[in-house]
Protein backbone atom coordinates (compact mmCIF):
# COMPACT_ATOMS: atom_id res chain seq x y z
CA MET A 1 28.35 -72.69 -107.98
CA THR A 2 28.11 -72.06 -104.33
CA ARG A 3 24.90 -73.12 -102.48
CA LYS A 4 22.80 -70.45 -100.57
CA ARG A 5 22.35 -71.14 -96.97
CA LEU A 6 18.83 -71.66 -95.41
CA PRO A 7 17.77 -68.72 -93.30
CA ILE A 8 17.32 -70.78 -90.05
CA GLY A 9 16.72 -68.37 -87.12
CA ILE A 10 16.84 -65.19 -89.33
CA GLN A 11 13.90 -62.97 -88.42
CA THR A 12 14.30 -60.09 -90.98
CA PHE A 13 13.95 -60.05 -94.77
CA ARG A 14 16.64 -57.51 -94.91
CA GLU A 15 19.10 -59.98 -93.51
CA ILE A 16 18.08 -62.62 -95.77
CA ARG A 17 18.64 -60.39 -98.79
CA GLU A 18 21.86 -58.82 -97.56
CA ASP A 19 23.48 -62.02 -96.54
CA ASP A 20 22.33 -64.00 -99.63
CA TYR A 21 20.21 -66.59 -97.98
CA TYR A 22 17.80 -68.89 -99.74
CA TYR A 23 14.28 -67.54 -99.87
CA VAL A 24 11.07 -69.06 -100.99
CA ASP A 25 7.97 -66.71 -101.43
CA LYS A 26 4.91 -68.51 -100.08
CA THR A 27 2.39 -65.76 -100.60
CA ALA A 28 0.13 -67.75 -102.93
CA PHE A 29 0.18 -70.67 -100.37
CA ALA A 30 -0.85 -68.29 -97.54
CA GLU A 31 -3.61 -66.97 -99.82
CA GLN A 32 -4.84 -70.47 -100.25
CA LEU A 33 -4.95 -71.46 -96.62
CA ILE A 34 -6.78 -68.12 -95.84
CA GLY A 35 -9.29 -68.83 -98.56
CA SER A 36 -9.94 -72.48 -97.64
CA GLY A 37 -10.32 -71.52 -93.96
CA LYS A 38 -8.16 -74.40 -92.95
CA TYR A 39 -4.67 -74.16 -91.52
């Protein structure tokens, strides 16, 4: 099993997908920060 690379310096989601980089969806975390008013 090969390890996926971290997308350090990658700015586009398209490049992350196409070049098989590791991706973590932090949408729920962003919503929590917005809701709490602290960031």
